[in-house]
């Protein structure tokens, strides 16, 4: 049972997240030759203010 953890900036709608979960599950199941039902995908929405790039919060970058 593979677990795929994806961290992304918050702000995407549920439709986008559902599509991401579906596509990742399909890709992993094909690569590992297992049913998609055995693939777990965890999405973590992180506020840009909690994500640093080069010492600066992403919320302060363009």
N, C-alpha and C. Protein backbone atom coordinates (compact mmCIF):
# COMPACT_ATOMS: atom_id res chain seq x y z
N UNK A 1 0.84 -1.17 0.00
CA UNK A 1 0.00 0.00 0.00
C UNK A 1 0.89 1.24 0.00
N UNK A 2 1.15 1.84 -1.15
CA UNK A 2 1.94 3.06 -1.19
C UNK A 2 1.12 4.26 -0.70
N UNK A 3 1.81 5.15 -0.02
CA UNK A 3 1.21 6.41 0.43
C UNK A 3 1.97 7.54 -0.24
N UNK A 4 1.24 8.39 -0.95
CA UNK A 4 1.84 9.52 -1.64
C UNK A 4 1.45 10.78 -0.89
N UNK A 5 2.43 11.52 -0.43
CA UNK A 5 2.18 12.75 0.32
C UNK A 5 2.52 13.93 -0.58
N UNK A 6 1.57 14.84 -0.74
CA UNK A 6 1.78 16.01 -1.60
C UNK A 6 1.51 17.26 -0.78
N UNK A 7 2.52 18.12 -0.71
CA UNK A 7 2.37 19.40 -0.03
C UNK A 7 2.27 20.48 -1.10
N UNK A 8 1.27 21.33 -0.97
CA UNK A 8 1.06 22.38 -1.95
C UNK A 8 0.50 23.61 -1.28
N UNK A 9 0.67 24.73 -1.94
CA UNK A 9 0.11 25.96 -1.39
C UNK A 9 -1.40 25.87 -1.39
N UNK A 10 -2.00 26.36 -0.33
CA UNK A 10 -3.45 26.35 -0.25
C UNK A 10 -4.05 27.27 -1.32
N UNK A 11 -5.32 27.01 -1.63
CA UNK A 11 -6.00 27.88 -2.58
C UNK A 11 -6.62 27.15 -3.76
N UNK A 12 -6.32 25.88 -3.91
CA UNK A 12 -6.92 25.13 -5.01
C UNK A 12 -8.30 24.64 -4.59
N UNK A 13 -9.20 24.57 -5.55
CA UNK A 13 -10.56 24.14 -5.21
C UNK A 13 -10.64 22.61 -5.14
N UNK A 14 -11.75 22.12 -4.62
CA UNK A 14 -11.93 20.68 -4.44
C UNK A 14 -11.87 19.91 -5.75
N UNK A 15 -12.35 20.51 -6.82
CA UNK A 15 -12.32 19.84 -8.13
C UNK A 15 -10.87 19.59 -8.56
N UNK A 16 -10.00 20.56 -8.38
CA UNK A 16 -8.59 20.40 -8.74
C UNK A 16 -7.94 19.32 -7.88
N UNK A 17 -8.25 19.32 -6.60
CA UNK A 17 -7.67 18.33 -5.69
C UNK A 17 -8.15 16.93 -6.03
N UNK A 18 -9.42 16.79 -6.35
CA UNK A 18 -9.96 15.48 -6.73
C UNK A 18 -9.27 14.95 -7.98
N UNK A 19 -9.05 15.83 -8.96
CA UNK A 19 -8.37 15.42 -10.19
C UNK A 19 -6.93 15.01 -9.90
N UNK A 20 -6.25 15.77 -9.05
CA UNK A 20 -4.88 15.43 -8.68
C UNK A 20 -4.82 14.07 -8.01
N UNK A 21 -5.72 13.82 -7.06
CA UNK A 21 -5.76 12.53 -6.37
C UNK A 21 -6.00 11.40 -7.36
N UNK A 22 -6.93 11.60 -8.27
CA UNK A 22 -7.24 10.58 -9.27
C UNK A 22 -6.04 10.27 -10.16
N UNK A 23 -5.42 11.31 -10.71
CA UNK A 23 -4.32 11.13 -11.65
C UNK A 23 -3.09 10.52 -10.98
N UNK A 24 -2.80 10.95 -9.76
CA UNK A 24 -1.66 10.38 -9.04
C UNK A 24 -1.92 8.91 -8.74
N UNK A 25 -3.13 8.61 -8.31
CA UNK A 25 -3.49 7.22 -8.00
C UNK A 25 -3.35 6.32 -9.23
N UNK A 26 -3.81 6.80 -10.36
CA UNK A 26 -3.71 6.03 -11.60
C UNK A 26 -2.24 5.81 -11.98
N UNK A 27 -1.44 6.86 -11.91
CA UNK A 27 -0.02 6.76 -12.28
C UNK A 27 0.73 5.79 -11.37
N UNK A 28 0.52 5.90 -10.08
CA UNK A 28 1.21 5.02 -9.14
C UNK A 28 0.75 3.57 -9.32
N UNK A 29 -0.53 3.38 -9.53
CA UNK A 29 -1.03 2.01 -9.69
C UNK A 29 -0.47 1.37 -10.95
N UNK A 30 -0.35 2.14 -12.03
CA UNK A 30 0.25 1.61 -13.26
C UNK A 30 1.72 1.28 -13.07
N UNK A 31 2.45 2.20 -12.43
CA UNK A 31 3.89 1.99 -12.24
C UNK A 31 4.19 0.79 -11.36
N UNK A 32 3.36 0.59 -10.35
CA UNK A 32 3.61 -0.51 -9.41
C UNK A 32 2.79 -1.76 -9.71
N UNK A 33 1.95 -1.66 -10.75
CA UNK A 33 1.09 -2.79 -11.14
C UNK A 33 0.24 -3.28 -9.97
N UNK A 34 -0.46 -2.31 -9.38
CA UNK A 34 -1.38 -2.61 -8.28
C UNK A 34 -2.70 -1.91 -8.56
N UNK A 35 -3.80 -2.32 -7.93
CA UNK A 35 -5.07 -1.63 -8.13
C UNK A 35 -5.01 -0.22 -7.52
N UNK A 36 -5.70 0.75 -8.15
CA UNK A 36 -5.71 2.11 -7.61
C UNK A 36 -6.26 2.17 -6.18
N UNK A 37 -7.08 1.20 -5.82
CA UNK A 37 -7.66 1.17 -4.47
C UNK A 37 -6.59 0.97 -3.39
N UNK A 38 -5.41 0.53 -3.80
CA UNK A 38 -4.34 0.32 -2.83
C UNK A 38 -3.42 1.55 -2.68
N UNK A 39 -3.72 2.60 -3.44
CA UNK A 39 -2.90 3.81 -3.39
C UNK A 39 -3.59 4.85 -2.51
N UNK A 40 -2.85 5.36 -1.54
CA UNK A 40 -3.36 6.41 -0.66
C UNK A 40 -2.66 7.72 -1.02
N UNK A 41 -3.43 8.78 -1.19
CA UNK A 41 -2.87 10.09 -1.52
C UNK A 41 -3.29 11.06 -0.41
N UNK A 42 -2.30 11.73 0.17
CA UNK A 42 -2.56 12.71 1.22
C UNK A 42 -2.17 14.09 0.70
N UNK A 43 -3.10 15.03 0.75
CA UNK A 43 -2.82 16.40 0.33
C UNK A 43 -2.71 17.28 1.57
N UNK A 44 -1.68 18.09 1.59
CA UNK A 44 -1.47 19.03 2.68
C UNK A 44 -1.47 20.44 2.11
N UNK A 45 -2.50 21.20 2.41
CA UNK A 45 -2.58 22.60 2.00
C UNK A 45 -1.79 23.43 3.00
N UNK A 46 -0.76 24.09 2.52
CA UNK A 46 0.09 24.89 3.39
C UNK A 46 -0.09 26.36 3.02
N UNK A 47 -0.40 27.21 3.99
CA UNK A 47 -0.49 28.64 3.68
C UNK A 47 0.86 29.16 3.19
N UNK A 48 0.85 30.08 2.24
CA UNK A 48 2.10 30.63 1.72
C UNK A 48 2.94 31.27 2.82
N UNK A 49 2.28 31.78 3.85
CA UNK A 49 3.00 32.41 4.95
C UNK A 49 3.77 31.38 5.79
N UNK A 50 3.46 30.10 5.63
CA UNK A 50 4.14 29.03 6.36
C UNK A 50 5.16 28.30 5.50
N UNK A 51 5.46 28.84 4.33
CA UNK A 51 6.34 28.18 3.37
C UNK A 51 7.46 29.17 3.03
N UNK A 52 8.68 28.84 3.37
CA UNK A 52 9.78 29.76 3.12
C UNK A 52 10.59 29.39 1.89
N UNK A 53 11.00 30.41 1.17
CA UNK A 53 11.86 30.24 0.00
C UNK A 53 13.00 31.24 0.14
N UNK A 54 14.22 30.74 0.23
CA UNK A 54 15.40 31.58 0.37
C UNK A 54 15.29 32.53 1.57
N UNK A 55 14.70 32.01 2.66
CA UNK A 55 14.60 32.80 3.88
C UNK A 55 13.46 33.79 3.92
N UNK A 56 12.60 33.75 2.92
CA UNK A 56 11.48 34.69 2.84
C UNK A 56 10.18 33.90 2.73
N UNK A 57 9.14 34.27 3.49
CA UNK A 57 7.85 33.59 3.33
C UNK A 57 7.36 33.72 1.88
N UNK A 58 6.83 32.65 1.35
CA UNK A 58 6.33 32.67 -0.03
C UNK A 58 5.24 33.73 -0.21
N UNK A 59 4.54 34.06 0.86
CA UNK A 59 3.48 35.08 0.78
C UNK A 59 4.06 36.46 0.48
N UNK A 60 5.35 36.66 0.71
CA UNK A 60 5.98 37.95 0.45
C UNK A 60 6.70 37.99 -0.88
N UNK A 61 6.75 36.85 -1.57
CA UNK A 61 7.38 36.80 -2.89
C UNK A 61 6.29 37.01 -3.96
N UNK A 62 6.72 37.34 -5.16
CA UNK A 62 5.74 37.53 -6.23
C UNK A 62 5.10 36.26 -6.62
